[in-house]
């Protein structure tokens, strides 16, 4: 199973990545929406884990909407501190 993790907090991203890799998942990690978009469209993921509050001009919700328009069947798990 291949997972994309888009999380700007590096400690949280590392913690999640480590736990998933211990369970033998392949994990790609990025810390912003732009790179997340690139990876989501360039690769076939079984799951995307997406933080809502991301740095820069785009938030996780707009990224989620974009991914949904092109890849309707990929599950997206939303993480947020809100």
PDB file of N, CA and C in Angstrom:
ATOM      1  N   UNK A   1       0.846  -1.173   0.000  1.00  0.00           N
ATOM      2  CA  UNK A   1       0.000   0.000   0.000  1.00  0.00           C
ATOM      3  C   UNK A   1       0.892   1.238   0.000  1.00  0.00           C
ATOM      4  N   UNK A   2       0.589   2.184  -0.869  1.00  0.00           N
ATOM      5  CA  UNK A   2       1.381   3.408  -0.988  1.00  0.00           C
ATOM      6  C   UNK A   2       0.553   4.587  -0.482  1.00  0.00           C
ATOM      7  N   UNK A   3       1.157   5.394   0.388  1.00  0.00           N
ATOM      8  CA  UNK A   3       0.459   6.492   1.050  1.00  0.00           C
ATOM      9  C   UNK A   3       1.207   7.798   0.813  1.00  0.00           C
ATOM     10  N   UNK A   4       0.436   8.860   0.559  1.00  0.00           N
ATOM     11  CA  UNK A   4       0.990  10.207   0.495  1.00  0.00           C
ATOM     12  C   UNK A   4       0.587  10.939   1.765  1.00  0.00           C
ATOM     13  N   UNK A   5       1.563  11.499   2.457  1.00  0.00           N
ATOM     14  CA  UNK A   5       1.333  12.273   3.666  1.00  0.00           C
ATOM     15  C   UNK A   5       1.715  13.727   3.384  1.00  0.00           C
ATOM     16  N   UNK A   6       0.742  14.635   3.515  1.00  0.00           N
ATOM     17  CA  UNK A   6       0.984  16.063   3.331  1.00  0.00           C
ATOM     18  C   UNK A   6       0.759  16.721   4.686  1.00  0.00           C
ATOM     19  N   UNK A   7       1.858  17.041   5.366  1.00  0.00           N
ATOM     20  CA  UNK A   7       1.812  17.580   6.734  1.00  0.00           C
ATOM     21  C   UNK A   7       2.960  18.559   6.897  1.00  0.00           C
ATOM     22  N   UNK A   8       2.658  19.815   7.285  1.00  0.00           N
ATOM     23  CA  UNK A   8       3.706  20.825   7.383  1.00  0.00           C
ATOM     24  C   UNK A   8       4.521  20.742   8.664  1.00  0.00           C
ATOM     25  N   UNK A   9       3.971  20.208   9.733  1.00  0.00           N
ATOM     26  CA  UNK A   9       4.723  20.072  10.989  1.00  0.00           C
ATOM     27  C   UNK A   9       5.659  18.868  10.862  1.00  0.00           C
ATOM     28  N   UNK A  10       6.943  19.144  10.801  1.00  0.00           N
ATOM     29  CA  UNK A  10       7.912  18.078  10.514  1.00  0.00           C
ATOM     30  C   UNK A  10       7.955  16.988  11.588  1.00  0.00           C
ATOM     31  N   UNK A  11       7.787  17.341  12.849  1.00  0.00           N
ATOM     32  CA  UNK A  11       7.782  16.324  13.910  1.00  0.00           C
ATOM     33  C   UNK A  11       6.571  15.407  13.786  1.00  0.00           C
ATOM     34  N   UNK A  12       5.423  15.986  13.509  1.00  0.00           N
ATOM     35  CA  UNK A  12       4.204  15.182  13.340  1.00  0.00           C
ATOM     36  C   UNK A  12       4.336  14.299  12.111  1.00  0.00           C
ATOM     37  N   UNK A  13       4.830  14.863  11.018  1.00  0.00           N
ATOM     38  CA  UNK A  13       5.010  14.092   9.789  1.00  0.00           C
ATOM     39  C   UNK A  13       5.958  12.918  10.011  1.00  0.00           C
ATOM     40  N   UNK A  14       7.043  13.174  10.718  1.00  0.00           N
ATOM     41  CA  UNK A  14       8.016  12.119  11.002  1.00  0.00           C
ATOM     42  C   UNK A  14       7.406  11.010  11.863  1.00  0.00           C
ATOM     43  N   UNK A  15       6.639  11.401  12.859  1.00  0.00           N
ATOM     44  CA  UNK A  15       5.985  10.437  13.745  1.00  0.00           C
ATOM     45  C   UNK A  15       5.016   9.548  12.965  1.00  0.00           C
ATOM     46  N   UNK A  16       4.183  10.162  12.126  1.00  0.00           N
ATOM     47  CA  UNK A  16       3.215   9.406  11.336  1.00  0.00           C
ATOM     48  C   UNK A  16       3.933   8.517  10.331  1.00  0.00           C
ATOM     49  N   UNK A  17       4.924   9.076   9.649  1.00  0.00           N
ATOM     50  CA  UNK A  17       5.685   8.306   8.658  1.00  0.00           C
ATOM     51  C   UNK A  17       6.330   7.080   9.302  1.00  0.00           C
ATOM     52  N   UNK A  18       6.960   7.269  10.447  1.00  0.00           N
ATOM     53  CA  UNK A  18       7.636   6.161  11.136  1.00  0.00           C
ATOM     54  C   UNK A  18       6.639   5.055  11.490  1.00  0.00           C
ATOM     55  N   UNK A  19       5.488   5.440  12.033  1.00  0.00           N
ATOM     56  CA  UNK A  19       4.475   4.450  12.398  1.00  0.00           C
ATOM     57  C   UNK A  19       3.957   3.678  11.196  1.00  0.00           C
ATOM     58  N   UNK A  20       3.735   4.384  10.086  1.00  0.00           N
ATOM     59  CA  UNK A  20       3.242   3.708   8.878  1.00  0.00           C
ATOM     60  C   UNK A  20       4.301   2.785   8.292  1.00  0.00           C
ATOM     61  N   UNK A  21       5.550   3.233   8.289  1.00  0.00           N
ATOM     62  CA  UNK A  21       6.619   2.389   7.746  1.00  0.00           C
ATOM     63  C   UNK A  21       6.850   1.154   8.613  1.00  0.00           C
ATOM     64  N   UNK A  22       6.662   1.285   9.923  1.00  0.00           N
ATOM     65  CA  UNK A  22       6.762   0.116  10.802  1.00  0.00           C
ATOM     66  C   UNK A  22       5.717  -0.936  10.449  1.00  0.00           C
ATOM     67  N   UNK A  23       4.601  -0.482   9.901  1.00  0.00           N
ATOM     68  CA  UNK A  23       3.538  -1.399   9.473  1.00  0.00           C
ATOM     69  C   UNK A  23       3.710  -1.817   8.008  1.00  0.00           C
ATOM     70  N   UNK A  24       4.866  -1.474   7.428  1.00  0.00           N
ATOM     71  CA  UNK A  24       5.264  -1.879   6.086  1.00  0.00           C
ATOM     72  C   UNK A  24       4.524  -1.162   4.947  1.00  0.00           C
ATOM     73  N   UNK A  25       4.083   0.076   5.210  1.00  0.00           N
ATOM     74  CA  UNK A  25       3.502   0.885   4.150  1.00  0.00           C
ATOM     75  C   UNK A  25       4.597   1.690   3.478  1.00  0.00           C
ATOM     76  N   UNK A  26       4.458   1.929   2.190  1.00  0.00           N
ATOM     77  CA  UNK A  26       5.351   2.832   1.471  1.00  0.00           C
ATOM     78  C   UNK A  26       4.776   4.236   1.645  1.00  0.00           C
ATOM     79  N   UNK A  27       5.593   5.171   2.103  1.00  0.00           N
ATOM     80  CA  UNK A  27       5.100   6.506   2.440  1.00  0.00           C
ATOM     81  C   UNK A  27       5.942   7.575   1.750  1.00  0.00           C
ATOM     82  N   UNK A  28       5.265   8.485   1.052  1.00  0.00           N
ATOM     83  CA  UNK A  28       5.887   9.686   0.512  1.00  0.00           C
ATOM     84  C   UNK A  28       5.405  10.847   1.364  1.00  0.00           C
ATOM     85  N   UNK A  29       6.333  11.717   1.765  1.00  0.00           N
ATOM     86  CA  UNK A  29       5.995  12.834   2.649  1.00  0.00           C
ATOM     87  C   UNK A  29       6.362  14.145   1.979  1.00  0.00           C
ATOM     88  N   UNK A  30       5.466  15.113   2.091  1.00  0.00           N
ATOM     89  CA  UNK A  30       5.767  16.478   1.680  1.00  0.00           C
ATOM     90  C   UNK A  30       5.153  17.425   2.698  1.00  0.00           C
ATOM     91  N   UNK A  31       5.647  18.658   2.697  1.00  0.00           N
ATOM     92  CA  UNK A  31       5.244  19.599   3.735  1.00  0.00           C
ATOM     93  C   UNK A  31       4.472  20.808   3.214  1.00  0.00           C
ATOM     94  N   UNK A  32       4.043  20.762   1.934  1.00  0.00           N
ATOM     95  CA  UNK A  32       3.248  21.867   1.403  1.00  0.00           C
ATOM     96  C   UNK A  32       2.286  21.366   0.325  1.00  0.00           C
ATOM     97  N   UNK A  33       1.290  22.191   0.036  1.00  0.00           N
ATOM     98  CA  UNK A  33       0.225  21.803  -0.895  1.00  0.00           C
ATOM     99  C   UNK A  33       0.726  21.676  -2.330  1.00  0.00           C
ATOM    100  N   UNK A  34       1.646  22.532  -2.725  1.00  0.00           N
ATOM    101  CA  UNK A  34       2.128  22.492  -4.112  1.00  0.00           C
ATOM    102  C   UNK A  34       2.797  21.157  -4.430  1.00  0.00           C
ATOM    103  N   UNK A  35       3.722  20.738  -3.571  1.00  0.00           N
ATOM    104  CA  UNK A  35       4.398  19.453  -3.782  1.00  0.00           C
ATOM    105  C   UNK A  35       3.413  18.301  -3.607  1.00  0.00           C
ATOM    106  N   UNK A  36       2.485  18.449  -2.671  1.00  0.00           N
ATOM    107  CA  UNK A  36       1.455  17.431  -2.486  1.00  0.00           C
ATOM    108  C   UNK A  36       0.633  17.235  -3.747  1.00  0.00           C
ATOM    109  N   UNK A  37       0.297  18.329  -4.396  1.00  0.00           N
ATOM    110  CA  UNK A  37      -0.452  18.265  -5.652  1.00  0.00           C
ATOM    111  C   UNK A  37       0.348  17.541  -6.726  1.00  0.00           C
ATOM    112  N   UNK A  38       1.611  17.910  -6.857  1.00  0.00           N
ATOM    113  CA  UNK A  38       2.481  17.263  -7.847  1.00  0.00           C
ATOM    114  C   UNK A  38       2.531  15.754  -7.623  1.00  0.00           C
ATOM    115  N   UNK A  39       2.792  15.358  -6.387  1.00  0.00           N
ATOM    116  CA  UNK A  39       2.911  13.933  -6.077  1.00  0.00           C
ATOM    117  C   UNK A  39       1.588  13.202  -6.267  1.00  0.00           C
ATOM    118  N   UNK A  40       0.494  13.819  -5.836  1.00  0.00           N
ATOM    119  CA  UNK A  40      -0.816  13.167  -5.937  1.00  0.00           C
ATOM    120  C   UNK A  40      -1.192  12.882  -7.382  1.00  0.00           C
ATOM    121  N   UNK A  41      -0.818  13.778  -8.284  1.00  0.00           N
ATOM    122  CA  UNK A  41      -1.181  13.599  -9.685  1.00  0.00           C
ATOM    123  C   UNK A  41      -0.173  12.762 -10.463  1.00  0.00           C
ATOM    124  N   UNK A  42       1.042  12.664  -9.965  1.00  0.00           N
ATOM    125  CA  UNK A  42       2.084  11.910 -10.665  1.00  0.00           C
ATOM    126  C   UNK A  42       2.120  10.442 -10.278  1.00  0.00           C
ATOM    127  N   UNK A  43       1.526  10.096  -9.130  1.00  0.00           N
ATOM    128  CA  UNK A  43       1.620   8.731  -8.614  1.00  0.00           C
ATOM    129  C   UNK A  43       0.239   8.181  -8.273  1.00  0.00           C
ATOM    130  N   UNK A  44       0.159   6.869  -8.213  1.00  0.00           N
ATOM    131  CA  UNK A  44      -1.073   6.209  -7.787  1.00  0.00           C
ATOM    132  C   UNK A  44      -0.948   5.852  -6.313  1.00  0.00           C
ATOM    133  N   UNK A  45      -1.712   6.544  -5.486  1.00  0.00           N
ATOM    134  CA  UNK A  45      -1.700   6.295  -4.050  1.00  0.00           C
ATOM    135  C   UNK A  45      -2.949   5.534  -3.643  1.00  0.00           C
ATOM    136  N   UNK A  46      -2.794   4.688  -2.634  1.00  0.00           N
ATOM    137  CA  UNK A  46      -3.923   3.958  -2.066  1.00  0.00           C
ATOM    138  C   UNK A  46      -4.634   4.794  -1.011  1.00  0.00           C
ATOM    139  N   UNK A  47      -3.925   5.793  -0.462  1.00  0.00           N
ATOM    140  CA  UNK A  47      -4.467   6.664   0.576  1.00  0.00           C
ATOM    141  C   UNK A  47      -3.672   7.954   0.589  1.00  0.00           C
ATOM    142  N   UNK A  48      -4.368   9.069   0.837  1.00  0.00           N
ATOM    143  CA  UNK A  48      -3.705  10.361   1.035  1.00  0.00           C
ATOM    144  C   UNK A  48      -4.096  10.857   2.421  1.00  0.00           C
ATOM    145  N   UNK A  49      -3.087  11.192   3.227  1.00  0.00           N
ATOM    146  CA  UNK A  49      -3.308  11.787   4.545  1.00  0.00           C
ATOM    147  C   UNK A  49      -2.942  13.255   4.406  1.00  0.00           C
ATOM    148  N   UNK A  50      -3.908  14.125   4.700  1.00  0.00           N
ATOM    149  CA  UNK A  50      -3.782  15.528   4.359  1.00  0.00           C
ATOM    150  C   UNK A  50      -4.093  16.423   5.552  1.00  0.00           C
ATOM    151  N   UNK A  51      -3.150  17.298   5.875  1.00  0.00           N
ATOM    152  CA  UNK A  51      -3.371  18.307   6.908  1.00  0.00           C
ATOM    153  C   UNK A  51      -4.160  19.453   6.298  1.00  0.00           C
ATOM    154  N   UNK A  52      -5.102  20.028   7.027  1.00  0.00           N
ATOM    155  CA  UNK A  52      -5.880  21.145   6.493  1.00  0.00           C
ATOM    156  C   UNK A  52      -5.120  22.456   6.521  1.00  0.00           C
ATOM    157  N   UNK A  53      -4.335  22.687   7.552  1.00  0.00           N
ATOM    158  CA  UNK A  53      -3.624  23.960   7.681  1.00  0.00           C
ATOM    159  C   UNK A  53      -2.201  23.804   7.154  1.00  0.00           C
ATOM    160  N   UNK A  54      -1.981  24.255   5.925  1.00  0.00           N
ATOM    161  CA  UNK A  54      -0.681  24.141   5.274  1.00  0.00           C
ATOM    162  C   UNK A  54      -0.124  25.531   5.000  1.00  0.00           C
ATOM    163  N   UNK A  55       1.202  25.668   4.923  1.00  0.00           N
ATOM    164  CA  UNK A  55       1.801  26.978   4.670  1.00  0.00           C
ATOM    165  C   UNK A  55       1.630  27.410   3.214  1.00  0.00           C
ATOM    166  N   UNK A  56       1.820  28.675   2.985  1.00  0.00           N
ATOM    167  CA  UNK A  56       1.734  29.192   1.619  1.00  0.00           C
ATOM    168  C   UNK A  56       0.324  29.622   1.274  1.00  0.00           C
ATOM    169  N   UNK A  57       0.084  29.749   0.010  1.00  0.00           N
ATOM    170  CA  UNK A  57      -1.192  30.265  -0.462  1.00  0.00           C
ATOM    171  C   UNK A  57      -2.328  29.264  -0.520  1.00  0.00           C
ATOM    172  N   UNK A  58      -2.038  27.985  -0.353  1.00  0.00           N
ATOM    173  CA  UNK A  58      -3.089  26.975  -0.485  1.00  0.00           C
ATOM    174  C   UNK A  58      -3.246  26.207   0.811  1.00  0.00           C
ATOM    175  N   UNK A  59      -4.488  25.885   1.133  1.00  0.00           N
ATOM    176  CA  UNK A  59      -4.735  25.062   2.312  1.00  0.00           C
ATOM    177  C   UNK A  59      -5.061  23.633   1.878  1.00  0.00           C
ATOM    178  N   UNK A  60      -5.186  22.776   2.849  1.00  0.00           N
ATOM    179  CA  UNK A  60      -5.455  21.374   2.569  1.00  0.00           C
ATOM    180  C   UNK A  60      -6.811  21.132   1.935  1.00  0.00           C
ATOM    181  N   UNK A  61      -7.795  21.957   2.261  1.00  0.00           N
ATOM    182  CA  UNK A  61      -9.127  21.777   1.692  1.00  0.00           C
ATOM    183  C   UNK A  61      -9.128  22.036   0.189  1.00  0.00           C
ATOM    184  N   UNK A  62      -8.417  23.064  -0.257  1.00  0.00           N
ATOM    185  CA  UNK A  62      -8.345  23.322  -1.704  1.00  0.00           C
ATOM    186  C   UNK A  62      -7.579  22.199  -2.410  1.00  0.00           C
ATOM    187  N   UNK A  63      -6.564  21.667  -1.750  1.00  0.00           N
ATOM    188  CA  UNK A  63      -5.838  20.536  -2.318  1.00  0.00           C
ATOM    189  C   UNK A  63      -6.738  19.306  -2.397  1.00  0.00           C
ATOM    190  N   UNK A  64      -7.516  19.075  -1.370  1.00  0.00           N
ATOM    191  CA  UNK A  64      -8.456  17.962  -1.367  1.00  0.00           C
ATOM    192  C   UNK A  64      -9.448  18.086  -2.529  1.00  0.00           C
ATOM    193  N   UNK A  65      -9.995  19.276  -2.719  1.00  0.00           N
ATOM    194  CA  UNK A  65     -10.925  19.512  -3.829  1.00  0.00           C
ATOM    195  C   UNK A  65     -10.264  19.236  -5.175  1.00  0.00           C
ATOM    196  N   UNK A  66      -9.046  19.693  -5.337  1.00  0.00           N
ATOM    197  CA  UNK A  66      -8.319  19.475  -6.590  1.00  0.00           C
ATOM    198  C   UNK A  66      -8.097  17.986  -6.854  1.00  0.00           C
ATOM    199  N   UNK A  67      -7.658  17.268  -5.827  1.00  0.00           N
ATOM    200  CA  UNK A  67      -7.414  15.828  -5.976  1.00  0.00           C
ATOM    201  C   UNK A  67      -8.713  15.111  -6.307  1.00  0.00           C
ATOM    202  N   UNK A  68      -9.797  15.479  -5.640  1.00  0.00           N
ATOM    203  CA  UNK A  68     -11.101  14.850  -5.864  1.00  0.00           C
ATOM    204  C   UNK A  68     -11.576  14.997  -7.305  1.00  0.00           C
ATOM    205  N   UNK A  69     -11.279  16.142  -7.911  1.00  0.00           N
ATOM    206  CA  UNK A  69     -11.710  16.379  -9.291  1.00  0.00           C
ATOM    207  C   UNK A  69     -11.009  15.453 -10.276  1.00  0.00           C
ATOM    208  N   UNK A  70      -9.763  15.086  -9.964  1.00  0.00           N
ATOM    209  CA  UNK A  70      -8.991  14.263 -10.890  1.00  0.00           C
ATOM    210  C   UNK A  70      -8.923  12.789 -10.481  1.00  0.00           C
ATOM    211  N   UNK A  71      -8.931  12.529  -9.194  1.00  0.00           N
ATOM    212  CA  UNK A  71      -8.807  11.154  -8.691  1.00  0.00           C
ATOM    213  C   UNK A  71      -9.915  10.916  -7.682  1.00  0.00           C
ATOM    214  N   UNK A  72     -11.072  10.619  -8.172  1.00  0.00           N
ATOM    215  CA  UNK A  72     -12.246  10.533  -7.321  1.00  0.00           C
ATOM    216  C   UNK A  72     -12.252   9.327  -6.394  1.00  0.00           C
ATOM    217  N   UNK A  73     -11.497   8.311  -6.722  1.00  0.00           N
ATOM    218  CA  UNK A  73     -11.602   7.070  -5.954  1.00  0.00           C
ATOM    219  C   UNK A  73     -10.571   6.920  -4.831  1.00  0.00           C
ATOM    220  N   UNK A  74      -9.577   7.788  -4.766  1.00  0.00           N
ATOM    221  CA  UNK A  74      -8.557   7.641  -3.722  1.00  0.00           C
ATOM    222  C   UNK A  74      -9.116   8.121  -2.373  1.00  0.00           C
ATOM    223  N   UNK A  75      -8.989   7.316  -1.327  1.00  0.00           N
ATOM    224  CA  UNK A  75      -9.432   7.768   0.002  1.00  0.00           C
ATOM    225  C   UNK A  75      -8.511   8.888   0.496  1.00  0.00           C
ATOM    226  N   UNK A  76      -9.112   9.903   1.147  1.00  0.00           N
ATOM    227  CA  UNK A  76      -8.360  11.006   1.722  1.00  0.00           C
ATOM    228  C   UNK A  76      -8.737  11.112   3.195  1.00  0.00           C
ATOM    229  N   UNK A  77      -7.728  11.011   4.040  1.00  0.00           N
ATOM    230  CA  UNK A  77      -7.903  11.162   5.482  1.00  0.00           C
ATOM    231  C   UNK A  77      -7.421  12.557   5.853  1.00  0.00           C
ATOM    232  N   UNK A  78      -8.293  13.350   6.467  1.00  0.00           N
ATOM    233  CA  UNK A  78      -7.983  14.726   6.839  1.00  0.00           C
ATOM    234  C   UNK A  78      -7.516  14.791   8.282  1.00  0.00           C
ATOM    235  N   UNK A  79      -6.378  15.462   8.496  1.00  0.00           N
ATOM    236  CA  UNK A  79      -5.868  15.726   9.844  1.00  0.00           C
ATOM    237  C   UNK A  79      -5.953  17.229  10.095  1.00  0.00           C
ATOM    238  N   UNK A  80      -6.342  17.608  11.297  1.00  0.00           N
ATOM    239  CA  UNK A  80      -6.382  19.022  11.628  1.00  0.00           C
ATOM    240  C   UNK A  80      -6.275  19.247  13.128  1.00  0.00           C
ATOM    241  N   UNK A  81      -5.709  20.379  13.492  1.00  0.00           N
ATOM    242  CA  UNK A  81      -5.632  20.761  14.895  1.00  0.00           C
ATOM    243  C   UNK A  81      -6.848  21.610  15.281  1.00  0.00           C
ATOM    244  N   UNK A  82      -7.698  21.927  14.330  1.00  0.00           N
ATOM    245  CA  UNK A  82      -8.891  22.748  14.602  1.00  0.00           C
ATOM    246  C   UNK A  82      -9.922  21.981  15.393  1.00  0.00           C
TER     247      UNK A  82
END
